[in-house]
Amino acid sequence: MDYETCAFEFPDDVKTRIEIVNQIPNDWSWVDGQLQALGLVQSVCRGSALKVSRFHSIHPTIANMNRNEDDKIQRDRDREIFENIYLNRQLPEFILFDEAGFSQPLTLEFAKKIATHFLQLGYNQGNLEFFRGYRNDNKFDNAVRCQILLNDWTPPAVVVRWQPHGKAIAKSLIDSFSSKLNPLQVAIPV
């Protein structure tokens, strides 16, 4: 599968991040990726994650990210995470998206709402990759993909990749970004 690519750099601010997520059309298929709360020290339960997944429908899962601990430590940590999030009202350190939006009732529109909520709260690291369709029963054979990169080693960027049969869809998304973002002239790791 050969993809053509167009990338844009964008300002490192919450408003722009939310605008980019909201520009992904709601009729796309799903989102994968993660957001991490770096710098939110007081209100975050370290090592915890909220998993938003097609496989759990509208039932979110709170997970322990340290799954290689021995059984007793892991059970104690699971209880501690539950207590911190549900009783002490702390936020999970990570928000994980796993084919979120692929099926009802967890639509892509709702998955985007979750992502923008946590971006607004200051989740400032990670990546979100939105997918448009699939072919040949292959999850990764997509007409178009759009990845939002938020990390320390490159400027914030959005990367649109498409196959020839997705060119019109990609052009529409690229046009919406072109009026607001700066095209990247350098290669970035994707």
N, C-alpha and C. Protein backbone atom coordinates (compact mmCIF):
# COMPACT_ATOMS: atom_id res chain seq x y z
N MET A 1 0.84 -1.18 0.00
CA MET A 1 0.00 0.00 0.00
C MET A 1 0.89 1.24 0.00
N ASP A 2 0.85 1.98 -1.07
CA ASP A 2 1.61 3.21 -1.17
C ASP A 2 0.69 4.39 -0.86
N TYR A 3 1.18 5.25 0.02
CA TYR A 3 0.41 6.41 0.41
C TYR A 3 1.14 7.67 -0.05
N GLU A 4 0.37 8.66 -0.48
CA GLU A 4 0.90 10.01 -0.64
C GLU A 4 0.71 10.70 0.69
N THR A 5 1.55 11.71 0.96
CA THR A 5 1.55 12.34 2.28
C THR A 5 1.62 13.85 2.18
N CYS A 6 0.91 14.51 3.09
CA CYS A 6 0.98 15.96 3.24
C CYS A 6 1.00 16.23 4.75
N ALA A 7 1.93 17.06 5.21
CA ALA A 7 2.05 17.32 6.64
C ALA A 7 2.02 18.82 6.92
N PHE A 8 1.48 19.15 8.08
CA PHE A 8 1.37 20.54 8.51
C PHE A 8 1.87 20.67 9.94
N GLU A 9 2.58 21.75 10.19
CA GLU A 9 2.95 22.10 11.56
C GLU A 9 1.87 23.04 12.09
N PHE A 10 1.62 22.98 13.39
CA PHE A 10 0.63 23.89 13.94
C PHE A 10 1.09 24.45 15.28
N PRO A 11 0.53 25.58 15.69
CA PRO A 11 0.93 26.19 16.96
C PRO A 11 0.65 25.25 18.13
N ASP A 12 1.51 25.32 19.11
CA ASP A 12 1.40 24.44 20.27
C ASP A 12 0.43 25.05 21.29
N ASP A 13 -0.85 25.05 20.93
CA ASP A 13 -1.86 25.56 21.86
C ASP A 13 -3.10 24.67 21.82
N VAL A 14 -3.82 24.68 22.91
CA VAL A 14 -4.98 23.81 23.09
C VAL A 14 -6.06 24.10 22.06
N LYS A 15 -6.33 25.35 21.80
CA LYS A 15 -7.40 25.72 20.87
C LYS A 15 -7.16 25.12 19.48
N THR A 16 -5.93 25.20 18.99
CA THR A 16 -5.61 24.66 17.67
C THR A 16 -5.75 23.14 17.66
N ARG A 17 -5.29 22.47 18.70
CA ARG A 17 -5.40 21.01 18.79
C ARG A 17 -6.87 20.58 18.70
N ILE A 18 -7.71 21.27 19.43
CA ILE A 18 -9.14 20.94 19.43
C ILE A 18 -9.75 21.20 18.05
N GLU A 19 -9.39 22.31 17.42
CA GLU A 19 -9.90 22.61 16.08
C GLU A 19 -9.52 21.53 15.08
N ILE A 20 -8.30 21.03 15.17
CA ILE A 20 -7.84 19.99 14.25
C ILE A 20 -8.66 18.72 14.44
N VAL A 21 -8.83 18.29 15.68
CA VAL A 21 -9.64 17.09 15.95
C VAL A 21 -11.05 17.29 15.41
N ASN A 22 -11.62 18.44 15.64
CA ASN A 22 -13.00 18.70 15.20
C ASN A 22 -13.13 18.78 13.67
N GLN A 23 -12.03 19.01 12.96
CA GLN A 23 -12.10 19.05 11.50
C GLN A 23 -12.14 17.67 10.86
N ILE A 24 -11.86 16.63 11.62
CA ILE A 24 -11.98 15.27 11.08
C ILE A 24 -13.47 15.00 10.92
N PRO A 25 -13.92 14.64 9.71
CA PRO A 25 -15.35 14.40 9.50
C PRO A 25 -15.88 13.25 10.37
N ASN A 26 -17.09 13.40 10.85
CA ASN A 26 -17.71 12.39 11.71
C ASN A 26 -18.05 11.10 10.98
N ASP A 27 -18.01 11.11 9.64
CA ASP A 27 -18.30 9.87 8.91
C ASP A 27 -17.05 9.03 8.67
N TRP A 28 -15.91 9.41 9.25
CA TRP A 28 -14.73 8.56 9.19
C TRP A 28 -14.96 7.36 10.09
N SER A 29 -14.05 6.39 10.04
CA SER A 29 -14.32 5.09 10.66
C SER A 29 -13.97 4.97 12.14
N TRP A 30 -12.78 5.36 12.55
CA TRP A 30 -12.40 5.21 13.95
C TRP A 30 -11.13 6.00 14.23
N VAL A 31 -10.74 6.01 15.54
CA VAL A 31 -9.50 6.65 15.98
C VAL A 31 -8.74 5.68 16.88
N ASP A 32 -7.44 5.62 16.68
CA ASP A 32 -6.51 4.89 17.54
C ASP A 32 -5.54 5.91 18.12
N GLY A 33 -4.87 5.56 19.21
CA GLY A 33 -3.83 6.43 19.74
C GLY A 33 -3.93 6.61 21.24
N GLN A 34 -3.21 7.62 21.71
CA GLN A 34 -3.22 7.91 23.14
C GLN A 34 -2.90 9.37 23.39
N LEU A 35 -3.41 9.85 24.49
CA LEU A 35 -3.07 11.17 25.01
C LEU A 35 -2.51 10.96 26.41
N GLN A 36 -1.51 11.76 26.79
CA GLN A 36 -0.92 11.65 28.12
C GLN A 36 -0.91 13.01 28.79
N ALA A 37 -1.17 12.98 30.08
CA ALA A 37 -1.17 14.21 30.87
C ALA A 37 0.21 14.43 31.47
N LEU A 38 1.07 15.12 30.73
CA LEU A 38 2.37 15.49 31.28
C LEU A 38 2.25 16.89 31.86
N GLY A 39 2.74 17.05 33.05
CA GLY A 39 2.69 18.36 33.68
C GLY A 39 1.50 18.56 34.60
N LEU A 40 0.50 17.71 34.50
CA LEU A 40 -0.64 17.77 35.43
C LEU A 40 -0.32 16.86 36.61
N VAL A 41 0.41 17.36 37.59
CA VAL A 41 0.92 16.52 38.66
C VAL A 41 -0.11 16.28 39.76
N GLN A 42 -0.81 17.30 40.18
CA GLN A 42 -1.68 17.21 41.34
C GLN A 42 -2.89 16.30 41.13
N SER A 43 -3.49 16.37 39.98
CA SER A 43 -4.79 15.72 39.83
C SER A 43 -4.74 14.44 38.99
N VAL A 44 -3.53 13.88 38.76
CA VAL A 44 -3.40 12.71 37.90
C VAL A 44 -2.99 11.49 38.71
N CYS A 45 -3.64 10.39 38.44
CA CYS A 45 -3.29 9.10 39.06
C CYS A 45 -2.24 8.44 38.17
N ARG A 46 -0.99 8.49 38.58
CA ARG A 46 0.12 7.96 37.78
C ARG A 46 -0.04 6.48 37.49
N GLY A 47 0.26 6.10 36.25
CA GLY A 47 0.21 4.70 35.85
C GLY A 47 -1.18 4.20 35.49
N SER A 48 -2.16 5.09 35.43
CA SER A 48 -3.53 4.67 35.11
C SER A 48 -3.91 5.12 33.71
N ALA A 49 -4.92 4.46 33.16
CA ALA A 49 -5.38 4.82 31.82
C ALA A 49 -6.88 4.63 31.71
N LEU A 50 -7.51 5.51 30.96
CA LEU A 50 -8.91 5.34 30.55
C LEU A 50 -8.85 4.78 29.14
N LYS A 51 -9.41 3.61 28.93
CA LYS A 51 -9.38 2.98 27.60
C LYS A 51 -10.75 3.14 26.96
N VAL A 52 -10.76 3.81 25.81
CA VAL A 52 -11.98 4.02 25.05
C VAL A 52 -11.85 3.12 23.81
N SER A 53 -12.65 2.06 23.78
CA SER A 53 -12.44 1.03 22.78
C SER A 53 -13.72 0.55 22.15
N ARG A 54 -13.65 0.23 20.89
CA ARG A 54 -14.77 -0.38 20.18
C ARG A 54 -15.18 -1.67 20.87
N PHE A 55 -14.23 -2.37 21.44
CA PHE A 55 -14.49 -3.68 22.03
C PHE A 55 -15.18 -3.60 23.39
N HIS A 56 -15.23 -2.40 23.96
CA HIS A 56 -15.91 -2.20 25.23
C HIS A 56 -17.16 -1.33 25.04
N SER A 57 -17.48 -1.02 23.81
CA SER A 57 -18.64 -0.21 23.46
C SER A 57 -18.60 1.10 24.22
N ILE A 58 -19.67 1.42 24.90
CA ILE A 58 -19.74 2.69 25.63
C ILE A 58 -19.29 2.51 27.08
N HIS A 59 -18.73 1.34 27.39
CA HIS A 59 -18.29 1.03 28.75
C HIS A 59 -16.78 1.28 28.85
N PRO A 60 -16.37 2.43 29.36
CA PRO A 60 -14.94 2.72 29.44
C PRO A 60 -14.25 1.80 30.46
N THR A 61 -12.98 1.57 30.25
CA THR A 61 -12.19 0.72 31.13
C THR A 61 -11.08 1.56 31.75
N ILE A 62 -10.94 1.46 33.06
CA ILE A 62 -9.81 2.07 33.75
C ILE A 62 -8.76 0.98 33.89
N ALA A 63 -7.54 1.25 33.43
CA ALA A 63 -6.50 0.22 33.39
C ALA A 63 -5.26 0.64 34.15
N ASN A 64 -4.54 -0.37 34.64
CA ASN A 64 -3.24 -0.20 35.25
C ASN A 64 -2.21 -0.36 34.14
N MET A 65 -1.42 0.67 33.90
CA MET A 65 -0.43 0.62 32.82
C MET A 65 0.81 -0.19 33.20
N ASN A 66 0.93 -0.59 34.48
CA ASN A 66 2.09 -1.34 34.96
C ASN A 66 1.72 -2.81 35.11
N ARG A 67 1.43 -3.48 34.02
CA ARG A 67 0.93 -4.85 34.06
C ARG A 67 2.01 -5.90 34.25
N ASN A 68 3.27 -5.53 34.37
CA ASN A 68 4.32 -6.54 34.53
C ASN A 68 4.71 -6.73 36.00
N GLU A 69 3.93 -6.18 36.92
CA GLU A 69 4.19 -6.35 38.34
C GLU A 69 3.68 -7.73 38.78
N ASP A 70 4.17 -8.21 39.96
CA ASP A 70 3.66 -9.49 40.44
C ASP A 70 2.20 -9.34 40.86
N ASP A 71 1.49 -10.46 41.02
CA ASP A 71 0.04 -10.45 41.21
C ASP A 71 -0.42 -9.62 42.40
N LYS A 72 0.23 -9.74 43.56
CA LYS A 72 -0.22 -8.99 44.74
C LYS A 72 -0.01 -7.49 44.55
N ILE A 73 1.14 -7.10 44.04
CA ILE A 73 1.39 -5.67 43.80
C ILE A 73 0.40 -5.14 42.77
N GLN A 74 0.14 -5.94 41.74
CA GLN A 74 -0.80 -5.51 40.69
C GLN A 74 -2.21 -5.35 41.25
N ARG A 75 -2.68 -6.30 42.06
CA ARG A 75 -4.03 -6.18 42.66
C ARG A 75 -4.12 -4.96 43.56
N ASP A 76 -3.08 -4.73 44.38
CA ASP A 76 -3.07 -3.55 45.25
C ASP A 76 -3.08 -2.27 44.43
N ARG A 77 -2.31 -2.25 43.35
CA ARG A 77 -2.26 -1.06 42.49
C ARG A 77 -3.59 -0.85 41.77
N ASP A 78 -4.24 -1.95 41.32
CA ASP A 78 -5.55 -1.82 40.68
C ASP A 78 -6.55 -1.19 41.65
N ARG A 79 -6.53 -1.64 42.91
CA ARG A 79 -7.44 -1.08 43.92
C ARG A 79 -7.12 0.39 44.16
N GLU A 80 -5.82 0.71 44.23
CA GLU A 80 -5.39 2.10 44.44
C GLU A 80 -5.84 3.00 43.28
N ILE A 81 -5.71 2.51 42.06
CA ILE A 81 -6.14 3.27 40.89
C ILE A 81 -7.65 3.51 40.94
N PHE A 82 -8.41 2.45 41.23
CA PHE A 82 -9.86 2.59 41.34
C PHE A 82 -10.21 3.64 42.39
N GLU A 83 -9.59 3.54 43.55
CA GLU A 83 -9.86 4.49 44.64
C GLU A 83 -9.50 5.92 44.23
N ASN A 84 -8.33 6.10 43.63
CA ASN A 84 -7.90 7.46 43.26
C ASN A 84 -8.79 8.09 42.21
N ILE A 85 -9.21 7.30 41.23
CA ILE A 85 -10.03 7.86 40.16
C ILE A 85 -11.47 8.04 40.58
N TYR A 86 -12.06 7.02 41.17
CA TYR A 86 -13.49 7.10 41.48
C TYR A 86 -13.80 7.78 42.80
N LEU A 87 -12.95 7.63 43.80
CA LEU A 87 -13.25 8.22 45.11
C LEU A 87 -12.53 9.54 45.33
N ASN A 88 -11.29 9.64 44.87
CA ASN A 88 -10.51 10.87 45.07
C ASN A 88 -10.58 11.81 43.87
N ARG A 89 -11.32 11.40 42.85
CA ARG A 89 -11.56 12.22 41.65
C ARG A 89 -10.29 12.66 40.93
N GLN A 90 -9.32 11.78 40.86
CA GLN A 90 -8.14 12.07 40.07
C GLN A 90 -8.40 11.67 38.61
N LEU A 91 -7.60 12.22 37.72
CA LEU A 91 -7.70 11.90 36.30
C LEU A 91 -6.72 10.78 35.95
N PRO A 92 -7.05 9.96 34.96
CA PRO A 92 -6.08 8.96 34.50
C PRO A 92 -4.90 9.65 33.82
N GLU A 93 -3.72 9.03 33.89
CA GLU A 93 -2.54 9.62 33.26
C GLU A 93 -2.62 9.52 31.74
N PHE A 94 -3.22 8.45 31.24
CA PHE A 94 -3.32 8.21 29.80
C PHE A 94 -4.78 8.06 29.38
N ILE A 95 -5.09 8.48 28.17
CA ILE A 95 -6.36 8.18 27.52
C ILE A 95 -5.99 7.37 26.29
N LEU A 96 -6.46 6.13 26.23
CA LEU A 96 -6.13 5.23 25.13
C LEU A 96 -7.34 5.06 24.22
N PHE A 97 -7.13 5.19 22.93
CA PHE A 97 -8.19 5.01 21.94
C PHE A 97 -7.87 3.77 21.11
N ASP A 98 -8.79 2.82 21.09
CA ASP A 98 -8.60 1.56 20.37
C ASP A 98 -9.82 1.32 19.47
N GLU A 99 -9.69 1.70 18.21
CA GLU A 99 -10.79 1.62 17.26
C GLU A 99 -12.05 2.31 17.80
N ALA A 100 -11.83 3.36 18.54
CA ALA A 100 -12.94 4.12 19.13
C ALA A 100 -13.73 4.79 18.01
N GLY A 101 -15.01 4.59 18.01
CA GLY A 101 -15.88 5.18 17.01
C GLY A 101 -16.27 4.23 15.90
N PHE A 102 -15.75 3.01 15.93
CA PHE A 102 -16.00 2.08 14.84
C PHE A 102 -17.45 1.61 14.78
N SER A 103 -18.12 1.57 15.93
CA SER A 103 -19.49 1.05 15.93
C SER A 103 -20.33 1.77 16.98
N GLN A 104 -21.63 1.64 16.85
CA GLN A 104 -22.58 2.24 17.80
C GLN A 104 -22.49 1.51 19.14
N PRO A 105 -22.74 2.13 20.24
CA PRO A 105 -23.10 3.53 20.42
C PRO A 105 -21.89 4.46 20.57
N LEU A 106 -20.67 3.91 20.55
CA LEU A 106 -19.47 4.74 20.65
C LEU A 106 -19.08 5.22 19.26
N THR A 107 -19.72 6.29 18.82
CA THR A 107 -19.49 6.83 17.48
C THR A 107 -18.18 7.61 17.44
N LEU A 108 -17.70 7.89 16.24
CA LEU A 108 -16.50 8.71 16.11
C LEU A 108 -16.75 10.11 16.66
N GLU A 109 -17.94 10.62 16.45
CA GLU A 109 -18.27 11.95 16.99
C GLU A 109 -18.09 11.98 18.51
N PHE A 110 -18.54 10.91 19.19
CA PHE A 110 -18.40 10.85 20.64
C PHE A 110 -16.94 10.65 21.04
N ALA A 111 -16.19 9.82 20.29
CA ALA A 111 -14.77 9.62 20.57
C ALA A 111 -14.01 10.94 20.43
N LYS A 112 -14.36 11.74 19.42
CA LYS A 112 -13.74 13.06 19.26
C LYS A 112 -14.08 13.98 20.43
N LYS A 113 -15.30 13.87 20.93
CA LYS A 113 -15.70 14.68 22.08
C LYS A 113 -14.85 14.31 23.31
N ILE A 114 -14.60 13.03 23.49
CA ILE A 114 -13.74 12.58 24.60
C ILE A 114 -12.33 13.14 24.41
N ALA A 115 -11.78 13.02 23.20
CA ALA A 115 -10.43 13.51 22.93
C ALA A 115 -10.33 15.02 23.18
N THR A 116 -11.29 15.78 22.69
CA THR A 116 -11.21 17.24 22.86
C THR A 116 -11.38 17.64 24.32
N HIS A 117 -12.17 16.89 25.07
CA HIS A 117 -12.32 17.16 26.50
C HIS A 117 -10.98 17.04 27.21
N PHE A 118 -10.26 15.96 26.94
CA PHE A 118 -8.98 15.75 27.62
C PHE A 118 -7.89 16.67 27.08
N LEU A 119 -7.95 17.05 25.82
CA LEU A 119 -7.04 18.08 25.31
C LEU A 119 -7.28 19.39 26.06
N GLN A 120 -8.54 19.73 26.27
CA GLN A 120 -8.89 20.96 27.00
C GLN A 120 -8.36 20.93 28.44
N LEU A 121 -8.33 19.74 29.03
CA LEU A 121 -7.82 19.60 30.40
C LEU A 121 -6.30 19.69 30.48
N GLY A 122 -5.62 19.66 29.34
CA GLY A 122 -4.17 19.80 29.33
C GLY A 122 -3.41 18.53 28.99
N TYR A 123 -4.06 17.52 28.46
CA TYR A 123 -3.35 16.34 28.00
C TYR A 123 -2.58 16.76 26.75
N ASN A 124 -1.24 16.81 26.86
CA ASN A 124 -0.44 17.52 25.87
C ASN A 124 0.58 16.66 25.13
N GLN A 125 0.57 15.36 25.32
CA GLN A 125 1.50 14.48 24.64
C GLN A 125 0.74 13.31 24.04
N GLY A 126 1.30 12.73 22.97
CA GLY A 126 0.71 11.54 22.39
C GLY A 126 0.45 11.67 20.90
N ASN A 127 -0.46 10.85 20.42
CA ASN A 127 -0.85 10.92 19.02
C ASN A 127 -2.25 10.34 18.86
N LEU A 128 -2.95 10.86 17.91
CA LEU A 128 -4.27 10.36 17.53
C LEU A 128 -4.23 10.08 16.05
N GLU A 129 -4.66 8.89 15.64
CA GLU A 129 -4.69 8.58 14.22
C GLU A 129 -6.11 8.20 13.82
N PHE A 130 -6.67 9.00 12.92
CA PHE A 130 -8.03 8.81 12.43
C PHE A 130 -7.97 8.06 11.10
N PHE A 131 -8.90 7.13 10.92
CA PHE A 131 -8.92 6.29 9.73
C PHE A 131 -10.24 6.46 8.99
N ARG A 132 -10.15 6.47 7.66
CA ARG A 132 -11.34 6.55 6.81
C ARG A 132 -11.45 5.25 6.03
N GLY A 133 -12.39 4.41 6.42
CA GLY A 133 -12.67 3.18 5.70
C GLY A 133 -11.58 2.13 5.80
N TYR A 134 -11.87 0.97 5.23
CA TYR A 134 -10.89 -0.10 5.10
C TYR A 134 -11.34 -1.00 3.96
N ARG A 135 -10.39 -1.77 3.41
CA ARG A 135 -10.68 -2.65 2.28
C ARG A 135 -10.10 -4.03 2.54
N ASN A 136 -10.65 -5.00 1.84
CA ASN A 136 -10.10 -6.36 1.86
C ASN A 136 -9.99 -6.94 3.26
N ASP A 137 -10.93 -6.60 4.14
CA ASP A 137 -10.90 -7.06 5.54
C ASP A 137 -9.58 -6.75 6.23
N ASN A 138 -8.92 -5.68 5.82
CA ASN A 138 -7.66 -5.27 6.42
C ASN A 138 -7.87 -3.90 7.07
N LYS A 139 -7.78 -3.88 8.37
CA LYS A 139 -8.00 -2.66 9.14
C LYS A 139 -7.10 -1.51 8.68
N PHE A 140 -5.91 -1.83 8.19
CA PHE A 140 -4.96 -0.79 7.84
C PHE A 140 -4.88 -0.50 6.34
N ASP A 141 -5.80 -1.03 5.56
CA ASP A 141 -5.88 -0.72 4.13
C ASP A 141 -6.93 0.37 3.97
N ASN A 142 -6.51 1.61 4.22
CA ASN A 142 -7.44 2.74 4.29
C ASN A 142 -7.28 3.69 3.12
N ALA A 143 -8.39 4.30 2.74
CA ALA A 143 -8.34 5.33 1.71
C ALA A 143 -7.56 6.53 2.19
N VAL A 144 -7.82 6.94 3.45
CA VAL A 144 -7.19 8.13 4.01
C VAL A 144 -6.95 7.92 5.50
N ARG A 145 -5.85 8.48 5.98
CA ARG A 145 -5.53 8.51 7.41
C ARG A 145 -5.10 9.93 7.77
N CYS A 146 -5.37 10.29 9.00
CA CYS A 146 -4.91 11.59 9.49
C CYS A 146 -4.36 11.40 10.89
N GLN A 147 -3.09 11.72 11.06
CA GLN A 147 -2.42 11.53 12.35
C GLN A 147 -2.05 12.88 12.94
N ILE A 148 -2.39 13.06 14.21
CA ILE A 148 -2.03 14.26 14.96
C ILE A 148 -0.91 13.86 15.91
N LEU A 149 0.25 14.51 15.77
CA LEU A 149 1.43 14.18 16.56
C LEU A 149 1.69 15.25 17.60
N LEU A 150 1.74 14.84 18.86
CA LEU A 150 2.01 15.76 19.96
C LEU A 150 3.12 15.13 20.81
N ASN A 151 4.34 15.60 20.61
CA ASN A 151 5.45 15.04 21.38
C ASN A 151 6.52 16.09 21.60
N ASP A 152 7.55 15.71 22.35
CA ASP A 152 8.61 16.66 22.70
C ASP A 152 9.68 16.82 21.64
N TRP A 153 9.84 15.85 20.73
CA TRP A 153 10.97 15.87 19.83
C TRP A 153 10.68 16.46 18.46
N THR A 154 9.42 16.76 18.16
CA THR A 154 9.09 17.46 16.92
C THR A 154 8.02 18.51 17.23
N PRO A 155 7.89 19.51 16.37
CA PRO A 155 6.79 20.46 16.57
C PRO A 155 5.46 19.72 16.42
N PRO A 156 4.40 20.20 17.05
CA PRO A 156 3.09 19.58 16.83
C PRO A 156 2.78 19.56 15.34
N ALA A 157 2.27 18.43 14.87
CA ALA A 157 2.03 18.30 13.44
C ALA A 157 0.80 17.45 13.18
N VAL A 158 0.23 17.65 12.01
CA VAL A 158 -0.85 16.80 11.52
C VAL A 158 -0.39 16.26 10.16
N VAL A 159 -0.53 14.95 9.97
CA VAL A 159 -0.07 14.29 8.76
C VAL A 159 -1.27 13.60 8.12
N VAL A 160 -1.51 13.92 6.85
CA VAL A 160 -2.59 13.28 6.09
C VAL A 160 -1.93 12.35 5.06
N ARG A 161 -2.36 11.09 5.06
CA ARG A 161 -1.85 10.11 4.10
C ARG A 161 -3.03 9.49 3.37
N TRP A 162 -2.85 9.25 2.05
CA TRP A 162 -3.96 8.71 1.28
C TRP A 162 -3.46 7.81 0.16
N GLN A 163 -4.33 6.89 -0.21
CA GLN A 163 -4.12 6.05 -1.38
C GLN A 163 -4.83 6.72 -2.56
N PRO A 164 -4.50 6.31 -3.78
CA PRO A 164 -5.12 6.97 -4.95
C PRO A 164 -6.65 7.02 -4.88
N HIS A 165 -7.30 5.97 -4.40
CA HIS A 165 -8.77 5.98 -4.36
C HIS A 165 -9.33 6.90 -3.27
N GLY A 166 -8.48 7.46 -2.41
CA GLY A 166 -8.93 8.38 -1.37
C GLY A 166 -8.52 9.82 -1.61
N LYS A 167 -8.05 10.12 -2.81
CA LYS A 167 -7.51 11.45 -3.10
C LYS A 167 -8.52 12.58 -2.88
N ALA A 168 -9.77 12.41 -3.31
CA ALA A 168 -10.77 13.48 -3.16
C ALA A 168 -11.07 13.74 -1.69
N ILE A 169 -11.15 12.67 -0.90
CA ILE A 169 -11.41 12.82 0.54
C ILE A 169 -10.23 13.53 1.19
N ALA A 170 -9.01 13.11 0.84
CA ALA A 170 -7.81 13.74 1.41
C ALA A 170 -7.73 15.21 1.02
N LYS A 171 -8.04 15.52 -0.23
CA LYS A 171 -7.97 16.91 -0.69
C LYS A 171 -8.90 17.81 0.12
N SER A 172 -10.09 17.33 0.41
CA SER A 172 -11.03 18.12 1.20
C SER A 172 -10.46 18.42 2.60
N LEU A 173 -9.87 17.41 3.24
CA LEU A 173 -9.29 17.61 4.57
C LEU A 173 -8.06 18.52 4.49
N ILE A 174 -7.21 18.30 3.51
CA ILE A 174 -6.01 19.13 3.33
C ILE A 174 -6.40 20.59 3.09
N ASP A 175 -7.41 20.82 2.28
CA ASP A 175 -7.87 22.19 2.03
C ASP A 175 -8.33 22.85 3.32
N SER A 176 -9.00 22.10 4.19
CA SER A 176 -9.46 22.70 5.45
C SER A 176 -8.29 23.04 6.36
N PHE A 177 -7.21 22.24 6.31
CA PHE A 177 -6.02 22.54 7.11
C PHE A 177 -5.19 23.66 6.48
N SER A 178 -5.14 23.71 5.16
CA SER A 178 -4.26 24.65 4.46
C SER A 178 -4.54 26.10 4.81
N SER A 179 -5.79 26.42 5.07
CA SER A 179 -6.13 27.81 5.36
C SER A 179 -5.68 28.24 6.76
N LYS A 180 -5.33 27.28 7.62
CA LYS A 180 -5.01 27.62 9.01
C LYS A 180 -3.62 27.19 9.46
N LEU A 181 -3.00 26.22 8.77
CA LEU A 181 -1.75 25.63 9.25
C LEU A 181 -0.62 25.84 8.26
N ASN A 182 0.61 25.66 8.73
CA ASN A 182 1.80 25.83 7.89
C ASN A 182 2.27 24.48 7.36
N PRO A 183 2.39 24.33 6.04
CA PRO A 183 2.91 23.08 5.49
C PRO A 183 4.33 22.82 6.00
N LEU A 184 4.63 21.57 6.32
CA LEU A 184 5.97 21.20 6.77
C LEU A 184 6.86 20.95 5.57
N GLN A 185 8.06 21.48 5.62
CA GLN A 185 9.03 21.30 4.53
C GLN A 185 10.03 20.20 4.87
N VAL A 186 10.02 19.74 6.11
CA VAL A 186 10.99 18.71 6.54
C VAL A 186 10.26 17.41 6.81
N ALA A 187 10.98 16.33 6.69
CA ALA A 187 10.40 15.02 6.98
C ALA A 187 10.25 14.86 8.50
N ILE A 188 9.15 14.27 8.89
CA ILE A 188 8.93 13.98 10.30
C ILE A 188 8.67 12.49 10.44
N PRO A 189 9.05 11.90 11.57
CA PRO A 189 8.80 10.46 11.73
C PRO A 189 7.31 10.20 11.94
N VAL A 190 6.75 9.27 11.19
CA VAL A 190 5.34 8.90 11.37
C VAL A 190 5.21 7.40 11.51
